[in-house]
Amino acid sequence: TTVSYNNWTSDASKNELIGKILANYKAKYTDITTTYKREQFAVSVGDELPTGILKLAKVYLAKKRKLKVGDKMAGRHGNKGIVARIVPEEDMPYLEDGTPVEIVLNPLGVPSRMN
């Protein structure tokens, strides 16, 4: 069944809050449903491989989400760090042609990885 996200009350702000709650519920419901289906599939398939198949590789995709302050990040070359600040694009430094940079690394962490 489809649930309407608006027109629950006559107050627009309450309708907006109800809409956000319903959207969060739908996202969580979808997440739980997909996890259940994945586990159910793993149980139904079992450990036996069909004839002619030597190995089975399973790939799980991670969720994409926006960064927030305090998140840890790591690069390919062993460099890692914590997001200290998220600023608007207009507050970021820019190149000579006006292109803003996407990320600023701590300069103290760079020399330690030059070995």
N, C-alpha and C. Protein backbone atom coordinates (compact mmCIF):
# COMPACT_ATOMS: atom_id res chain seq x y z
N THR A 1 0.84 -1.18 0.00
CA THR A 1 0.00 0.00 0.00
C THR A 1 0.88 1.25 0.00
N THR A 2 0.37 2.30 -0.59
CA THR A 2 1.09 3.56 -0.66
C THR A 2 0.51 4.52 0.37
N VAL A 3 1.41 5.15 1.14
CA VAL A 3 1.00 6.09 2.17
C VAL A 3 1.35 7.49 1.69
N SER A 4 0.42 8.41 1.84
CA SER A 4 0.65 9.79 1.44
C SER A 4 1.61 10.45 2.42
N TYR A 5 2.54 11.26 1.90
CA TYR A 5 3.51 11.94 2.74
C TYR A 5 3.03 13.30 3.21
N ASN A 6 1.88 13.73 2.77
CA ASN A 6 1.40 15.06 3.17
C ASN A 6 -0.09 15.02 3.47
N ASN A 7 -0.62 16.13 3.89
CA ASN A 7 -2.04 16.32 4.23
C ASN A 7 -2.51 15.42 5.37
N TRP A 8 -1.68 15.27 6.39
CA TRP A 8 -2.10 14.54 7.58
C TRP A 8 -2.82 15.48 8.55
N THR A 9 -2.33 16.71 8.63
CA THR A 9 -2.95 17.70 9.50
C THR A 9 -3.10 19.00 8.70
N SER A 10 -3.68 19.99 9.35
CA SER A 10 -3.82 21.29 8.68
C SER A 10 -2.56 22.14 8.83
N ASP A 11 -1.64 21.73 9.71
CA ASP A 11 -0.40 22.47 9.94
C ASP A 11 0.68 21.98 8.96
N ALA A 12 1.25 22.89 8.19
CA ALA A 12 2.23 22.52 7.17
C ALA A 12 3.52 21.99 7.78
N SER A 13 3.96 22.58 8.91
CA SER A 13 5.22 22.12 9.52
C SER A 13 5.07 20.71 10.08
N LYS A 14 3.90 20.41 10.65
CA LYS A 14 3.67 19.04 11.15
C LYS A 14 3.61 18.05 9.99
N ASN A 15 3.00 18.47 8.89
CA ASN A 15 2.96 17.60 7.71
C ASN A 15 4.36 17.32 7.19
N GLU A 16 5.22 18.33 7.24
CA GLU A 16 6.60 18.13 6.79
C GLU A 16 7.33 17.15 7.69
N LEU A 17 7.15 17.28 9.01
CA LEU A 17 7.78 16.34 9.95
C LEU A 17 7.26 14.93 9.75
N ILE A 18 5.97 14.79 9.55
CA ILE A 18 5.38 13.46 9.31
C ILE A 18 5.94 12.88 8.02
N GLY A 19 6.10 13.71 7.00
CA GLY A 19 6.67 13.24 5.74
C GLY A 19 8.10 12.75 5.92
N LYS A 20 8.90 13.48 6.72
CA LYS A 20 10.28 13.05 6.98
C LYS A 20 10.30 11.73 7.74
N ILE A 21 9.42 11.59 8.73
CA ILE A 21 9.35 10.34 9.50
C ILE A 21 8.98 9.17 8.59
N LEU A 22 8.00 9.38 7.73
CA LEU A 22 7.59 8.31 6.82
C LEU A 22 8.71 7.97 5.82
N ALA A 23 9.43 8.98 5.35
CA ALA A 23 10.54 8.72 4.42
C ALA A 23 11.65 7.93 5.12
N ASN A 24 11.96 8.29 6.37
CA ASN A 24 12.97 7.55 7.14
C ASN A 24 12.52 6.12 7.39
N TYR A 25 11.23 5.95 7.69
CA TYR A 25 10.69 4.61 7.91
C TYR A 25 10.81 3.78 6.65
N LYS A 26 10.48 4.38 5.51
CA LYS A 26 10.54 3.64 4.24
C LYS A 26 11.98 3.23 3.93
N ALA A 27 12.94 4.12 4.17
CA ALA A 27 14.34 3.79 3.92
C ALA A 27 14.80 2.66 4.82
N LYS A 28 14.45 2.72 6.10
CA LYS A 28 14.83 1.66 7.04
C LYS A 28 14.16 0.34 6.68
N TYR A 29 12.89 0.40 6.29
CA TYR A 29 12.16 -0.80 5.88
C TYR A 29 12.81 -1.45 4.66
N THR A 30 13.19 -0.63 3.70
CA THR A 30 13.85 -1.15 2.50
C THR A 30 15.19 -1.78 2.86
N ASP A 31 15.93 -1.15 3.76
CA ASP A 31 17.22 -1.68 4.19
C ASP A 31 17.06 -3.03 4.87
N ILE A 32 16.10 -3.14 5.77
CA ILE A 32 15.86 -4.40 6.48
C ILE A 32 15.39 -5.47 5.51
N THR A 33 14.52 -5.10 4.58
CA THR A 33 14.00 -6.07 3.61
C THR A 33 15.11 -6.61 2.72
N THR A 34 15.99 -5.74 2.23
CA THR A 34 17.09 -6.22 1.38
C THR A 34 18.06 -7.09 2.15
N THR A 35 18.33 -6.75 3.42
CA THR A 35 19.19 -7.59 4.24
C THR A 35 18.57 -8.96 4.44
N TYR A 36 17.28 -9.00 4.71
CA TYR A 36 16.59 -10.27 4.90
C TYR A 36 16.62 -11.10 3.62
N LYS A 37 16.38 -10.47 2.48
CA LYS A 37 16.39 -11.20 1.21
C LYS A 37 17.78 -11.75 0.91
N ARG A 38 18.83 -10.97 1.21
CA ARG A 38 20.20 -11.43 0.99
C ARG A 38 20.50 -12.64 1.87
N GLU A 39 20.10 -12.58 3.15
CA GLU A 39 20.35 -13.71 4.05
C GLU A 39 19.53 -14.93 3.63
N GLN A 40 18.31 -14.71 3.20
CA GLN A 40 17.46 -15.81 2.76
C GLN A 40 18.07 -16.47 1.51
N PHE A 41 18.59 -15.67 0.60
CA PHE A 41 19.23 -16.21 -0.60
C PHE A 41 20.47 -17.02 -0.23
N ALA A 42 21.27 -16.51 0.73
CA ALA A 42 22.48 -17.22 1.14
C ALA A 42 22.15 -18.57 1.74
N VAL A 43 21.05 -18.64 2.50
CA VAL A 43 20.65 -19.91 3.10
C VAL A 43 20.12 -20.86 2.03
N SER A 44 19.36 -20.34 1.08
CA SER A 44 18.77 -21.21 0.06
C SER A 44 19.83 -21.73 -0.91
N VAL A 45 20.86 -20.93 -1.22
CA VAL A 45 21.90 -21.38 -2.14
C VAL A 45 22.79 -22.41 -1.47
N GLY A 46 23.17 -22.17 -0.23
CA GLY A 46 24.01 -23.12 0.49
C GLY A 46 25.45 -23.06 0.05
N ASP A 47 26.23 -24.09 0.44
CA ASP A 47 27.65 -24.13 0.15
C ASP A 47 27.98 -24.92 -1.10
N GLU A 48 27.03 -25.65 -1.64
CA GLU A 48 27.31 -26.49 -2.80
C GLU A 48 27.35 -25.64 -4.06
N LEU A 49 28.37 -25.89 -4.89
CA LEU A 49 28.52 -25.17 -6.14
C LEU A 49 28.00 -26.03 -7.29
N PRO A 50 27.42 -25.41 -8.29
CA PRO A 50 26.98 -26.18 -9.46
C PRO A 50 28.18 -26.81 -10.18
N THR A 51 27.93 -27.81 -10.98
CA THR A 51 29.01 -28.49 -11.68
C THR A 51 29.68 -27.53 -12.66
N GLY A 52 31.00 -27.62 -12.73
CA GLY A 52 31.75 -26.76 -13.64
C GLY A 52 32.22 -25.46 -13.01
N ILE A 53 31.74 -25.13 -11.82
CA ILE A 53 32.15 -23.89 -11.13
C ILE A 53 33.11 -24.27 -10.02
N LEU A 54 34.30 -23.69 -10.04
CA LEU A 54 35.33 -24.03 -9.06
C LEU A 54 35.27 -23.14 -7.83
N LYS A 55 35.04 -21.85 -8.03
CA LYS A 55 35.00 -20.91 -6.91
C LYS A 55 33.82 -19.98 -7.08
N LEU A 56 33.33 -19.48 -5.97
CA LEU A 56 32.22 -18.53 -5.98
C LEU A 56 32.68 -17.27 -5.26
N ALA A 57 32.55 -16.15 -5.92
CA ALA A 57 32.93 -14.87 -5.33
C ALA A 57 31.67 -14.04 -5.12
N LYS A 58 31.47 -13.59 -3.90
CA LYS A 58 30.32 -12.74 -3.59
C LYS A 58 30.82 -11.33 -3.34
N VAL A 59 30.14 -10.37 -3.92
CA VAL A 59 30.51 -8.96 -3.77
C VAL A 59 29.34 -8.23 -3.14
N TYR A 60 29.60 -7.54 -2.04
CA TYR A 60 28.59 -6.74 -1.37
C TYR A 60 28.96 -5.28 -1.53
N LEU A 61 28.00 -4.47 -1.87
CA LEU A 61 28.24 -3.05 -2.04
C LEU A 61 27.96 -2.31 -0.74
N ALA A 62 28.84 -1.40 -0.41
CA ALA A 62 28.64 -0.59 0.79
C ALA A 62 27.65 0.52 0.48
N LYS A 63 27.07 1.05 1.52
CA LYS A 63 26.13 2.16 1.35
C LYS A 63 26.91 3.45 1.10
N LYS A 64 26.41 4.25 0.22
CA LYS A 64 26.98 5.57 0.00
C LYS A 64 26.25 6.55 0.91
N ARG A 65 27.02 7.39 1.57
CA ARG A 65 26.41 8.40 2.41
C ARG A 65 27.31 9.62 2.42
N LYS A 66 26.78 10.73 2.86
CA LYS A 66 27.55 11.97 2.89
C LYS A 66 28.51 11.95 4.07
N LEU A 67 29.65 12.59 3.87
CA LEU A 67 30.62 12.71 4.95
C LEU A 67 30.12 13.68 6.00
N LYS A 68 30.56 13.46 7.23
CA LYS A 68 30.26 14.40 8.30
C LYS A 68 31.51 14.54 9.15
N VAL A 69 31.55 15.54 9.98
CA VAL A 69 32.72 15.80 10.81
C VAL A 69 32.93 14.61 11.75
N GLY A 70 34.17 14.13 11.82
CA GLY A 70 34.51 13.00 12.67
C GLY A 70 34.63 11.69 11.92
N ASP A 71 34.21 11.64 10.66
CA ASP A 71 34.35 10.41 9.87
C ASP A 71 35.81 10.17 9.53
N LYS A 72 36.20 8.89 9.51
CA LYS A 72 37.57 8.54 9.13
C LYS A 72 37.62 8.26 7.64
N MET A 73 38.71 8.68 7.02
CA MET A 73 38.93 8.43 5.60
C MET A 73 40.32 7.85 5.43
N ALA A 74 40.48 7.00 4.42
CA ALA A 74 41.79 6.43 4.13
C ALA A 74 42.00 6.43 2.63
N GLY A 75 43.24 6.67 2.23
CA GLY A 75 43.59 6.64 0.82
C GLY A 75 44.21 5.32 0.43
N ARG A 76 44.59 5.21 -0.82
CA ARG A 76 45.18 3.97 -1.33
C ARG A 76 46.60 3.75 -0.83
N HIS A 77 47.27 4.78 -0.39
CA HIS A 77 48.68 4.70 -0.09
C HIS A 77 48.96 4.68 1.42
N GLY A 78 48.01 4.29 2.21
CA GLY A 78 48.22 4.19 3.65
C GLY A 78 47.97 5.48 4.40
N ASN A 79 47.62 6.53 3.72
CA ASN A 79 47.32 7.77 4.41
C ASN A 79 45.90 7.72 4.95
N LYS A 80 45.73 8.19 6.16
CA LYS A 80 44.40 8.20 6.74
C LYS A 80 44.24 9.45 7.58
N GLY A 81 43.00 9.79 7.81
CA GLY A 81 42.74 10.99 8.58
C GLY A 81 41.28 11.10 8.94
N ILE A 82 40.95 12.15 9.65
CA ILE A 82 39.59 12.39 10.13
C ILE A 82 39.10 13.70 9.53
N VAL A 83 37.84 13.72 9.13
CA VAL A 83 37.24 14.94 8.59
C VAL A 83 37.12 15.95 9.74
N ALA A 84 37.83 17.06 9.61
CA ALA A 84 37.84 18.06 10.67
C ALA A 84 36.79 19.14 10.46
N ARG A 85 36.56 19.50 9.19
CA ARG A 85 35.64 20.59 8.92
C ARG A 85 35.06 20.43 7.52
N ILE A 86 33.80 20.74 7.37
CA ILE A 86 33.17 20.76 6.05
C ILE A 86 32.71 22.19 5.81
N VAL A 87 33.23 22.77 4.74
CA VAL A 87 32.93 24.17 4.46
C VAL A 87 32.26 24.29 3.10
N PRO A 88 31.52 25.37 2.87
CA PRO A 88 30.92 25.57 1.55
C PRO A 88 31.99 25.73 0.47
N GLU A 89 31.59 25.51 -0.76
CA GLU A 89 32.53 25.56 -1.89
C GLU A 89 33.16 26.94 -2.04
N GLU A 90 32.42 27.98 -1.73
CA GLU A 90 32.96 29.33 -1.90
C GLU A 90 34.03 29.66 -0.85
N ASP A 91 34.10 28.90 0.25
CA ASP A 91 35.12 29.14 1.27
C ASP A 91 36.38 28.31 1.05
N MET A 92 36.36 27.42 0.05
CA MET A 92 37.53 26.58 -0.23
C MET A 92 38.56 27.37 -1.03
N PRO A 93 39.85 27.02 -0.88
CA PRO A 93 40.86 27.65 -1.74
C PRO A 93 40.64 27.25 -3.19
N TYR A 94 41.17 28.04 -4.11
CA TYR A 94 40.92 27.77 -5.52
C TYR A 94 42.22 27.91 -6.31
N LEU A 95 42.23 27.31 -7.49
CA LEU A 95 43.39 27.37 -8.38
C LEU A 95 43.38 28.68 -9.17
N GLU A 96 44.42 28.87 -10.01
CA GLU A 96 44.52 30.12 -10.78
C GLU A 96 43.35 30.30 -11.73
N ASP A 97 42.83 29.18 -12.26
CA ASP A 97 41.71 29.29 -13.21
C ASP A 97 40.36 29.41 -12.52
N GLY A 98 40.34 29.44 -11.18
CA GLY A 98 39.10 29.63 -10.45
C GLY A 98 38.44 28.34 -9.99
N THR A 99 39.04 27.19 -10.30
CA THR A 99 38.47 25.90 -9.89
C THR A 99 38.74 25.67 -8.41
N PRO A 100 37.71 25.46 -7.59
CA PRO A 100 37.96 25.20 -6.17
C PRO A 100 38.48 23.78 -5.96
N VAL A 101 39.35 23.60 -4.96
CA VAL A 101 39.85 22.26 -4.65
C VAL A 101 38.76 21.48 -3.91
N GLU A 102 38.81 20.15 -4.00
CA GLU A 102 37.78 19.33 -3.38
C GLU A 102 38.12 18.93 -1.95
N ILE A 103 39.42 18.74 -1.68
CA ILE A 103 39.82 18.30 -0.35
C ILE A 103 41.16 18.95 0.00
N VAL A 104 41.35 19.26 1.27
CA VAL A 104 42.60 19.83 1.76
C VAL A 104 43.16 18.86 2.78
N LEU A 105 44.39 18.39 2.53
CA LEU A 105 45.04 17.46 3.45
C LEU A 105 45.91 18.23 4.43
N ASN A 106 46.12 17.66 5.61
CA ASN A 106 47.00 18.25 6.60
C ASN A 106 48.44 18.10 6.10
N PRO A 107 49.19 19.19 5.98
CA PRO A 107 50.56 19.08 5.46
C PRO A 107 51.49 18.30 6.39
N LEU A 108 51.17 18.17 7.67
CA LEU A 108 52.02 17.42 8.58
C LEU A 108 51.94 15.91 8.32
N GLY A 109 50.87 15.46 7.67
CA GLY A 109 50.73 14.04 7.39
C GLY A 109 51.42 13.60 6.12
N VAL A 110 51.81 14.54 5.27
CA VAL A 110 52.41 14.18 3.97
C VAL A 110 53.86 13.73 4.11
N PRO A 111 54.76 14.45 4.82
CA PRO A 111 56.15 13.99 4.88
C PRO A 111 56.32 12.62 5.53
N SER A 112 55.44 12.24 6.42
CA SER A 112 55.58 10.94 7.08
C SER A 112 55.33 9.79 6.12
N ARG A 113 54.73 10.05 4.97
CA ARG A 113 54.44 8.99 3.99
C ARG A 113 55.40 9.05 2.80
N MET A 114 56.49 9.78 2.91
CA MET A 114 57.41 9.93 1.78
C MET A 114 58.55 8.92 1.84
N ASN A 115 58.42 7.82 2.55
CA ASN A 115 59.52 6.87 2.67
C ASN A 115 59.47 5.79 1.63
